[in-house]
Amino acid sequence: MTQAKMYTVKQLSTLAGVSSRTLHYYDQIGLLKPETVRANGYRDYGDSSLLKLQQILFYRELDLPLEEIKKIMGHHDFDALNALHSHRKSL
């Protein structure tokens, strides 16, 4: 069994083209929580976090406020696949 890929804040911010500060802020407001926080306080994000961040950044491109994005993605019936189809239509 292969171990899931984990990303540090620096790695994820580089991959996504956002600042480390942005990821810290998303964690602070509960929009994108790390999958683990090490004893030294370092945050680790997995592939599911990367996908969620892609969703967040797409909504940001549509100029949705963070609070609205949090509501949409936090809704009990949020479906990432349907959201991708919706994004495709929007494009």
PDB file of N, CA and C in Angstrom:
ATOM      1  N   MET A   1       0.847  -1.181   0.000  1.00  0.00           N
ATOM      2  CA  MET A   1       0.000   0.000   0.000  1.00  0.00           C
ATOM      3  C   MET A   1       0.886   1.236   0.000  1.00  0.00           C
ATOM      4  N   THR A   2       0.585   2.176  -0.899  1.00  0.00           N
ATOM      5  CA  THR A   2       1.372   3.397  -0.979  1.00  0.00           C
ATOM      6  C   THR A   2       0.813   4.447  -0.031  1.00  0.00           C
ATOM      7  N   GLN A   3       1.714   5.216   0.496  1.00  0.00           N
ATOM      8  CA  GLN A   3       1.325   6.271   1.418  1.00  0.00           C
ATOM      9  C   GLN A   3       0.866   7.493   0.613  1.00  0.00           C
ATOM     10  N   ALA A   4      -0.169   8.159   1.081  1.00  0.00           N
ATOM     11  CA  ALA A   4      -0.709   9.332   0.400  1.00  0.00           C
ATOM     12  C   ALA A   4       0.330  10.451   0.394  1.00  0.00           C
ATOM     13  N   LYS A   5       0.357  11.202  -0.682  1.00  0.00           N
ATOM     14  CA  LYS A   5       1.263  12.344  -0.804  1.00  0.00           C
ATOM     15  C   LYS A   5       0.806  13.446   0.142  1.00  0.00           C
ATOM     16  N   MET A   6       1.736  13.985   0.880  1.00  0.00           N
ATOM     17  CA  MET A   6       1.449  15.096   1.772  1.00  0.00           C
ATOM     18  C   MET A   6       2.279  16.296   1.333  1.00  0.00           C
ATOM     19  N   TYR A   7       1.684  17.474   1.478  1.00  0.00           N
ATOM     20  CA  TYR A   7       2.325  18.722   1.070  1.00  0.00           C
ATOM     21  C   TYR A   7       2.468  19.639   2.274  1.00  0.00           C
ATOM     22  N   THR A   8       3.604  20.296   2.366  1.00  0.00           N
ATOM     23  CA  THR A   8       3.773  21.340   3.368  1.00  0.00           C
ATOM     24  C   THR A   8       3.061  22.592   2.867  1.00  0.00           C
ATOM     25  N   VAL A   9       2.935  23.578   3.715  1.00  0.00           N
ATOM     26  CA  VAL A   9       2.332  24.850   3.313  1.00  0.00           C
ATOM     27  C   VAL A   9       3.103  25.424   2.127  1.00  0.00           C
ATOM     28  N   LYS A  10       4.407  25.400   2.186  1.00  0.00           N
ATOM     29  CA  LYS A  10       5.251  25.938   1.114  1.00  0.00           C
ATOM     30  C   LYS A  10       5.009  25.188  -0.192  1.00  0.00           C
ATOM     31  N   GLN A  11       4.985  23.856  -0.133  1.00  0.00           N
ATOM     32  CA  GLN A  11       4.779  23.068  -1.346  1.00  0.00           C
ATOM     33  C   GLN A  11       3.398  23.326  -1.955  1.00  0.00           C
ATOM     34  N   LEU A  12       2.372  23.335  -1.102  1.00  0.00           N
ATOM     35  CA  LEU A  12       1.021  23.555  -1.599  1.00  0.00           C
ATOM     36  C   LEU A  12       0.864  24.970  -2.159  1.00  0.00           C
ATOM     37  N   SER A  13       1.444  25.950  -1.488  1.00  0.00           N
ATOM     38  CA  SER A  13       1.329  27.328  -1.973  1.00  0.00           C
ATOM     39  C   SER A  13       2.024  27.477  -3.322  1.00  0.00           C
ATOM     40  N   THR A  14       3.162  26.824  -3.497  1.00  0.00           N
ATOM     41  CA  THR A  14       3.871  26.864  -4.778  1.00  0.00           C
ATOM     42  C   THR A  14       3.059  26.187  -5.867  1.00  0.00           C
ATOM     43  N   LEU A  15       2.503  25.009  -5.574  1.00  0.00           N
ATOM     44  CA  LEU A  15       1.683  24.281  -6.552  1.00  0.00           C
ATOM     45  C   LEU A  15       0.474  25.097  -7.002  1.00  0.00           C
ATOM     46  N   ALA A  16      -0.158  25.758  -6.059  1.00  0.00           N
ATOM     47  CA  ALA A  16      -1.411  26.464  -6.337  1.00  0.00           C
ATOM     48  C   ALA A  16      -1.206  27.918  -6.772  1.00  0.00           C
ATOM     49  N   GLY A  17      -0.005  28.434  -6.589  1.00  0.00           N
ATOM     50  CA  GLY A  17       0.250  29.820  -6.963  1.00  0.00           C
ATOM     51  C   GLY A  17      -0.357  30.824  -6.003  1.00  0.00           C
ATOM     52  N   VAL A  18      -0.447  30.449  -4.736  1.00  0.00           N
ATOM     53  CA  VAL A  18      -0.937  31.364  -3.702  1.00  0.00           C
ATOM     54  C   VAL A  18       0.159  31.513  -2.650  1.00  0.00           C
ATOM     55  N   SER A  19       0.005  32.482  -1.792  1.00  0.00           N
ATOM     56  CA  SER A  19       1.011  32.685  -0.749  1.00  0.00           C
ATOM     57  C   SER A  19       0.768  31.736   0.423  1.00  0.00           C
ATOM     58  N   SER A  20       1.817  31.521   1.175  1.00  0.00           N
ATOM     59  CA  SER A  20       1.694  30.728   2.403  1.00  0.00           C
ATOM     60  C   SER A  20       0.717  31.412   3.358  1.00  0.00           C
ATOM     61  N   ARG A  21       0.755  32.725   3.357  1.00  0.00           N
ATOM     62  CA  ARG A  21      -0.141  33.514   4.217  1.00  0.00           C
ATOM     63  C   ARG A  21      -1.601  33.223   3.873  1.00  0.00           C
ATOM     64  N   THR A  22      -1.899  33.065   2.585  1.00  0.00           N
ATOM     65  CA  THR A  22      -3.260  32.748   2.153  1.00  0.00           C
ATOM     66  C   THR A  22      -3.702  31.416   2.759  1.00  0.00           C
ATOM     67  N   LEU A  23      -2.839  30.408   2.697  1.00  0.00           N
ATOM     68  CA  LEU A  23      -3.186  29.096   3.262  1.00  0.00           C
ATOM     69  C   LEU A  23      -3.386  29.177   4.774  1.00  0.00           C
ATOM     70  N   HIS A  24      -2.531  29.950   5.437  1.00  0.00           N
ATOM     71  CA  HIS A  24      -2.701  30.137   6.888  1.00  0.00           C
ATOM     72  C   HIS A  24      -4.042  30.812   7.185  1.00  0.00           C
ATOM     73  N   TYR A  25      -4.401  31.794   6.372  1.00  0.00           N
ATOM     74  CA  TYR A  25      -5.667  32.498   6.574  1.00  0.00           C
ATOM     75  C   TYR A  25      -6.850  31.565   6.317  1.00  0.00           C
ATOM     76  N   TYR A  26      -6.791  30.773   5.246  1.00  0.00           N
ATOM     77  CA  TYR A  26      -7.861  29.817   4.960  1.00  0.00           C
ATOM     78  C   TYR A  26      -8.031  28.831   6.110  1.00  0.00           C
ATOM     79  N   ASP A  27      -6.930  28.453   6.731  1.00  0.00           N
ATOM     80  CA  ASP A  27      -6.996  27.576   7.910  1.00  0.00           C
ATOM     81  C   ASP A  27      -7.660  28.324   9.063  1.00  0.00           C
ATOM     82  N   GLN A  28      -7.237  29.541   9.286  1.00  0.00           N
ATOM     83  CA  GLN A  28      -7.755  30.360  10.390  1.00  0.00           C
ATOM     84  C   GLN A  28      -9.265  30.536  10.312  1.00  0.00           C
ATOM     85  N   ILE A  29      -9.804  30.748   9.112  1.00  0.00           N
ATOM     86  CA  ILE A  29     -11.244  30.972   8.972  1.00  0.00           C
ATOM     87  C   ILE A  29     -12.021  29.671   8.764  1.00  0.00           C
ATOM     88  N   GLY A  30     -11.308  28.538   8.726  1.00  0.00           N
ATOM     89  CA  GLY A  30     -11.977  27.245   8.604  1.00  0.00           C
ATOM     90  C   GLY A  30     -12.358  26.863   7.193  1.00  0.00           C
ATOM     91  N   LEU A  31     -11.788  27.530   6.200  1.00  0.00           N
ATOM     92  CA  LEU A  31     -12.109  27.238   4.807  1.00  0.00           C
ATOM     93  C   LEU A  31     -11.312  26.050   4.284  1.00  0.00           C
ATOM     94  N   LEU A  32     -10.039  25.977   4.645  1.00  0.00           N
ATOM     95  CA  LEU A  32      -9.173  24.876   4.218  1.00  0.00           C
ATOM     96  C   LEU A  32      -8.287  24.477   5.383  1.00  0.00           C
ATOM     97  N   LYS A  33      -8.723  23.466   6.094  1.00  0.00           N
ATOM     98  CA  LYS A  33      -7.971  22.982   7.250  1.00  0.00           C
ATOM     99  C   LYS A  33      -6.916  21.976   6.788  1.00  0.00           C
ATOM    100  N   PRO A  34      -5.742  21.972   7.410  1.00  0.00           N
ATOM    101  CA  PRO A  34      -4.744  20.957   7.063  1.00  0.00           C
ATOM    102  C   PRO A  34      -5.224  19.579   7.521  1.00  0.00           C
ATOM    103  N   GLU A  35      -4.709  18.557   6.863  1.00  0.00           N
ATOM    104  CA  GLU A  35      -5.098  17.200   7.252  1.00  0.00           C
ATOM    105  C   GLU A  35      -4.444  16.807   8.564  1.00  0.00           C
ATOM    106  N   THR A  36      -3.237  17.294   8.775  1.00  0.00           N
ATOM    107  CA  THR A  36      -2.563  17.067  10.056  1.00  0.00           C
ATOM    108  C   THR A  36      -1.780  18.315  10.434  1.00  0.00           C
ATOM    109  N   VAL A  37      -1.585  18.472  11.732  1.00  0.00           N
ATOM    110  CA  VAL A  37      -0.702  19.518  12.250  1.00  0.00           C
ATOM    111  C   VAL A  37       0.311  18.799  13.130  1.00  0.00           C
ATOM    112  N   ARG A  38       1.564  18.919  12.759  1.00  0.00           N
ATOM    113  CA  ARG A  38       2.628  18.238  13.504  1.00  0.00           C
ATOM    114  C   ARG A  38       2.860  18.917  14.857  1.00  0.00           C
ATOM    115  N   ALA A  39       3.593  18.242  15.716  1.00  0.00           N
ATOM    116  CA  ALA A  39       3.890  18.759  17.051  1.00  0.00           C
ATOM    117  C   ALA A  39       4.583  20.122  16.987  1.00  0.00           C
ATOM    118  N   ASN A  40       5.366  20.347  15.935  1.00  0.00           N
ATOM    119  CA  ASN A  40       6.075  21.620  15.795  1.00  0.00           C
ATOM    120  C   ASN A  40       5.206  22.718  15.168  1.00  0.00           C
ATOM    121  N   GLY A  41       3.912  22.388  14.908  1.00  0.00           N
ATOM    122  CA  GLY A  41       2.984  23.372  14.366  1.00  0.00           C
ATOM    123  C   GLY A  41       2.913  23.393  12.845  1.00  0.00           C
ATOM    124  N   TYR A  42       3.772  22.621  12.188  1.00  0.00           N
ATOM    125  CA  TYR A  42       3.753  22.578  10.723  1.00  0.00           C
ATOM    126  C   TYR A  42       2.478  21.900  10.248  1.00  0.00           C
ATOM    127  N   ARG A  43       1.882  22.463   9.224  1.00  0.00           N
ATOM    128  CA  ARG A  43       0.644  21.925   8.655  1.00  0.00           C
ATOM    129  C   ARG A  43       0.972  21.031   7.462  1.00  0.00           C
ATOM    130  N   ASP A  44       0.251  19.934   7.341  1.00  0.00           N
ATOM    131  CA  ASP A  44       0.398  19.031   6.204  1.00  0.00           C
ATOM    132  C   ASP A  44      -0.941  18.889   5.501  1.00  0.00           C
ATOM    133  N   TYR A  45      -0.896  18.992   4.185  1.00  0.00           N
ATOM    134  CA  TYR A  45      -2.086  18.896   3.345  1.00  0.00           C
ATOM    135  C   TYR A  45      -1.930  17.709   2.406  1.00  0.00           C
ATOM    136  N   GLY A  46      -3.042  17.011   2.142  1.00  0.00           N
ATOM    137  CA  GLY A  46      -3.024  15.876   1.231  1.00  0.00           C
ATOM    138  C   GLY A  46      -3.661  16.220  -0.099  1.00  0.00           C
ATOM    139  N   ASP A  47      -3.823  15.186  -0.925  1.00  0.00           N
ATOM    140  CA  ASP A  47      -4.415  15.383  -2.253  1.00  0.00           C
ATOM    141  C   ASP A  47      -5.831  15.939  -2.172  1.00  0.00           C
ATOM    142  N   SER A  48      -6.592  15.522  -1.166  1.00  0.00           N
ATOM    143  CA  SER A  48      -7.959  16.042  -1.040  1.00  0.00           C
ATOM    144  C   SER A  48      -7.934  17.543  -0.742  1.00  0.00           C
ATOM    145  N   SER A  49      -6.937  17.988   0.005  1.00  0.00           N
ATOM    146  CA  SER A  49      -6.781  19.424   0.274  1.00  0.00           C
ATOM    147  C   SER A  49      -6.440  20.174  -1.004  1.00  0.00           C
ATOM    148  N   LEU A  50      -5.611  19.564  -1.837  1.00  0.00           N
ATOM    149  CA  LEU A  50      -5.242  20.180  -3.101  1.00  0.00           C
ATOM    150  C   LEU A  50      -6.475  20.358  -3.991  1.00  0.00           C
ATOM    151  N   LEU A  51      -7.326  19.340  -4.050  1.00  0.00           N
ATOM    152  CA  LEU A  51      -8.558  19.428  -4.840  1.00  0.00           C
ATOM    153  C   LEU A  51      -9.501  20.486  -4.281  1.00  0.00           C
ATOM    154  N   LYS A  52      -9.590  20.533  -2.963  1.00  0.00           N
ATOM    155  CA  LYS A  52     -10.460  21.531  -2.336  1.00  0.00           C
ATOM    156  C   LYS A  52      -9.940  22.941  -2.607  1.00  0.00           C
ATOM    157  N   LEU A  53      -8.627  23.101  -2.561  1.00  0.00           N
ATOM    158  CA  LEU A  53      -8.038  24.408  -2.845  1.00  0.00           C
ATOM    159  C   LEU A  53      -8.318  24.821  -4.290  1.00  0.00           C
ATOM    160  N   GLN A  54      -8.282  23.881  -5.210  1.00  0.00           N
ATOM    161  CA  GLN A  54      -8.621  24.186  -6.600  1.00  0.00           C
ATOM    162  C   GLN A  54     -10.055  24.711  -6.700  1.00  0.00           C
ATOM    163  N   GLN A  55     -10.965  24.097  -5.954  1.00  0.00           N
ATOM    164  CA  GLN A  55     -12.357  24.560  -5.939  1.00  0.00           C
ATOM    165  C   GLN A  55     -12.431  25.991  -5.400  1.00  0.00           C
ATOM    166  N   ILE A  56     -11.756  26.221  -4.304  1.00  0.00           N
ATOM    167  CA  ILE A  56     -11.758  27.554  -3.679  1.00  0.00           C
ATOM    168  C   ILE A  56     -11.241  28.600  -4.669  1.00  0.00           C
ATOM    169  N   LEU A  57     -10.136  28.286  -5.321  1.00  0.00           N
ATOM    170  CA  LEU A  57      -9.532  29.249  -6.251  1.00  0.00           C
ATOM    171  C   LEU A  57     -10.424  29.500  -7.456  1.00  0.00           C
ATOM    172  N   PHE A  58     -11.155  28.492  -7.892  1.00  0.00           N
ATOM    173  CA  PHE A  58     -12.087  28.709  -8.985  1.00  0.00           C
ATOM    174  C   PHE A  58     -13.189  29.676  -8.555  1.00  0.00           C
ATOM    175  N   TYR A  59     -13.759  29.451  -7.376  1.00  0.00           N
ATOM    176  CA  TYR A  59     -14.797  30.354  -6.882  1.00  0.00           C
ATOM    177  C   TYR A  59     -14.249  31.770  -6.700  1.00  0.00           C
ATOM    178  N   ARG A  60     -12.998  31.878  -6.285  1.00  0.00           N
ATOM    179  CA  ARG A  60     -12.384  33.201  -6.141  1.00  0.00           C
ATOM    180  C   ARG A  60     -12.275  33.897  -7.501  1.00  0.00           C
ATOM    181  N   GLU A  61     -11.975  33.109  -8.541  1.00  0.00           N
ATOM    182  CA  GLU A  61     -11.914  33.668  -9.903  1.00  0.00           C
ATOM    183  C   GLU A  61     -13.265  34.225 -10.328  1.00  0.00           C
ATOM    184  N   LEU A  62     -14.336  33.660  -9.781  1.00  0.00           N
ATOM    185  CA  LEU A  62     -15.682  34.152 -10.071  1.00  0.00           C
ATOM    186  C   LEU A  62     -16.057  35.312  -9.150  1.00  0.00           C
ATOM    187  N   ASP A  63     -15.088  35.781  -8.360  1.00  0.00           N
ATOM    188  CA  ASP A  63     -15.249  36.907  -7.438  1.00  0.00           C
ATOM    189  C   ASP A  63     -16.218  36.635  -6.292  1.00  0.00           C
ATOM    190  N   LEU A  64     -16.378  35.369  -5.932  1.00  0.00           N
ATOM    191  CA  LEU A  64     -17.214  35.068  -4.764  1.00  0.00           C
ATOM    192  C   LEU A  64     -16.422  35.378  -3.498  1.00  0.00           C
ATOM    193  N   PRO A  65     -17.059  35.974  -2.510  1.00  0.00           N
ATOM    194  CA  PRO A  65     -16.375  36.229  -1.238  1.00  0.00           C
ATOM    195  C   PRO A  65     -16.081  34.912  -0.508  1.00  0.00           C
ATOM    196  N   LEU A  66     -15.045  34.934   0.304  1.00  0.00           N
ATOM    197  CA  LEU A  66     -14.638  33.721   1.030  1.00  0.00           C
ATOM    198  C   LEU A  66     -15.771  33.160   1.884  1.00  0.00           C
ATOM    199  N   GLU A  67     -16.547  34.016   2.500  1.00  0.00           N
ATOM    200  CA  GLU A  67     -17.643  33.551   3.359  1.00  0.00           C
ATOM    201  C   GLU A  67     -18.670  32.776   2.536  1.00  0.00           C
ATOM    202  N   GLU A  68     -18.938  33.236   1.322  1.00  0.00           N
ATOM    203  CA  GLU A  68     -19.878  32.550   0.432  1.00  0.00           C
ATOM    204  C   GLU A  68     -19.310  31.202  -0.024  1.00  0.00           C
ATOM    205  N   ILE A  69     -18.021  31.189  -0.332  1.00  0.00           N
ATOM    206  CA  ILE A  69     -17.364  29.938  -0.728  1.00  0.00           C
ATOM    207  C   ILE A  69     -17.441  28.928   0.408  1.00  0.00           C
ATOM    208  N   LYS A  70     -17.210  29.415   1.602  1.00  0.00           N
ATOM    209  CA  LYS A  70     -17.266  28.532   2.777  1.00  0.00           C
ATOM    210  C   LYS A  70     -18.666  27.939   2.931  1.00  0.00           C
ATOM    211  N   LYS A  71     -19.688  28.750   2.717  1.00  0.00           N
ATOM    212  CA  LYS A  71     -21.072  28.252   2.806  1.00  0.00           C
ATOM    213  C   LYS A  71     -21.344  27.196   1.744  1.00  0.00           C
ATOM    214  N   ILE A  72     -20.945  27.486   0.510  1.00  0.00           N
ATOM    215  CA  ILE A  72     -21.182  26.561  -0.602  1.00  0.00           C
ATOM    216  C   ILE A  72     -20.484  25.228  -0.355  1.00  0.00           C
ATOM    217  N   MET A  73     -19.205  25.295  -0.036  1.00  0.00           N
ATOM    218  CA  MET A  73     -18.425  24.066   0.105  1.00  0.00           C
ATOM    219  C   MET A  73     -18.716  23.342   1.411  1.00  0.00           C
ATOM    220  N   GLY A  74     -19.235  24.052   2.374  1.00  0.00           N
ATOM    221  CA  GLY A  74     -19.553  23.436   3.659  1.00  0.00           C
ATOM    222  C   GLY A  74     -20.957  22.878   3.733  1.00  0.00           C
ATOM    223  N   HIS A  75     -21.743  23.128   2.684  1.00  0.00           N
ATOM    224  CA  HIS A  75     -23.127  22.648   2.672  1.00  0.00           C
ATOM    225  C   HIS A  75     -23.139  21.130   2.660  1.00  0.00           C
ATOM    226  N   HIS A  76     -24.074  20.541   3.387  1.00  0.00           N
ATOM    227  CA  HIS A  76     -24.110  19.079   3.549  1.00  0.00           C
ATOM    228  C   HIS A  76     -24.260  18.321   2.233  1.00  0.00           C
ATOM    229  N   ASP A  77     -24.830  18.942   1.211  1.00  0.00           N
ATOM    230  CA  ASP A  77     -24.998  18.232  -0.057  1.00  0.00           C
ATOM    231  C   ASP A  77     -24.045  18.727  -1.152  1.00  0.00           C
ATOM    232  N   PHE A  78     -22.945  19.398  -0.743  1.00  0.00           N
ATOM    233  CA  PHE A  78     -21.952  19.836  -1.728  1.00  0.00           C
ATOM    234  C   PHE A  78     -21.340  18.612  -2.393  1.00  0.00           C
ATOM    235  N   ASP A  79     -21.310  18.623  -3.706  1.00  0.00           N
ATOM    236  CA  ASP A  79     -20.772  17.512  -4.488  1.00  0.00           C
ATOM    237  C   ASP A  79     -19.697  18.070  -5.416  1.00  0.00           C
ATOM    238  N   ALA A  80     -18.456  17.670  -5.179  1.00  0.00           N
ATOM    239  CA  ALA A  80     -17.334  18.200  -5.951  1.00  0.00           C
ATOM    240  C   ALA A  80     -17.480  17.891  -7.440  1.00  0.00           C
ATOM    241  N   LEU A  81     -17.982  16.717  -7.782  1.00  0.00           N
ATOM    242  CA  LEU A  81     -18.143  16.362  -9.191  1.00  0.00           C
ATOM    243  C   LEU A  81     -19.162  17.269  -9.875  1.00  0.00           C
ATOM    244  N   ASN A  82     -20.284  17.503  -9.216  1.00  0.00           N
ATOM    245  CA  ASN A  82     -21.274  18.435  -9.774  1.00  0.00           C
ATOM    246  C   ASN A  82     -20.706  19.843  -9.876  1.00  0.00           C
ATOM    247  N   ALA A  83     -19.906  20.218  -8.897  1.00  0.00           N
ATOM    248  CA  ALA A  83     -19.284  21.546  -8.930  1.00  0.00           C
ATOM    249  C   ALA A  83     -18.356  21.670 -10.134  1.00  0.00           C
ATOM    250  N   LEU A  84     -17.614  20.610 -10.436  1.00  0.00           N
ATOM    251  CA  LEU A  84     -16.731  20.631 -11.602  1.00  0.00           C
ATOM    252  C   LEU A  84     -17.525  20.778 -12.894  1.00  0.00           C
ATOM    253  N   HIS A  85     -18.646  20.079 -12.985  1.00  0.00           N
ATOM    254  CA  HIS A  85     -19.495  20.219 -14.165  1.00  0.00           C
ATOM    255  C   HIS A  85     -20.017  21.651 -14.278  1.00  0.00           C
ATOM    256  N   SER A  86     -20.388  22.224 -13.161  1.00  0.00           N
ATOM    257  CA  SER A  86     -20.863  23.600 -13.139  1.00  0.00           C
ATOM    258  C   SER A  86     -19.765  24.568 -13.562  1.00  0.00           C
ATOM    259  N   HIS A  87     -18.539  24.319 -13.076  1.00  0.00           N
ATOM    260  CA  HIS A  87     -17.391  25.159 -13.445  1.00  0.00           C
ATOM    261  C   HIS A  87     -17.165  25.102 -14.958  1.00  0.00           C
ATOM    262  N   ARG A  88     -17.270  23.914 -15.483  1.00  0.00           N
ATOM    263  CA  ARG A  88     -17.053  23.729 -16.916  1.00  0.00           C
ATOM    264  C   ARG A  88     -18.072  24.545 -17.721  1.00  0.00           C
ATOM    265  N   LYS A  89     -19.320  24.509 -17.282  1.00  0.00           N
ATOM    266  CA  LYS A  89     -20.352  25.304 -17.957  1.00  0.00           C
ATOM    267  C   LYS A  89     -20.046  26.786 -17.860  1.00  0.00           C
ATOM    268  N   SER A  90     -19.569  27.207 -16.686  1.00  0.00           N
ATOM    269  CA  SER A  90     -19.251  28.622 -16.481  1.00  0.00           C
ATOM    270  C   SER A  90     -18.136  29.091 -17.400  1.00  0.00           C
ATOM    271  N   LEU A  91     -17.209  28.178 -17.664  1.00  0.00           N
ATOM    272  CA  LEU A  91     -16.083  28.543 -18.537  1.00  0.00           C
ATOM    273  C   LEU A  91     -16.540  28.664 -19.964  1.00  0.00           C
TER     274      LEU A  91
END
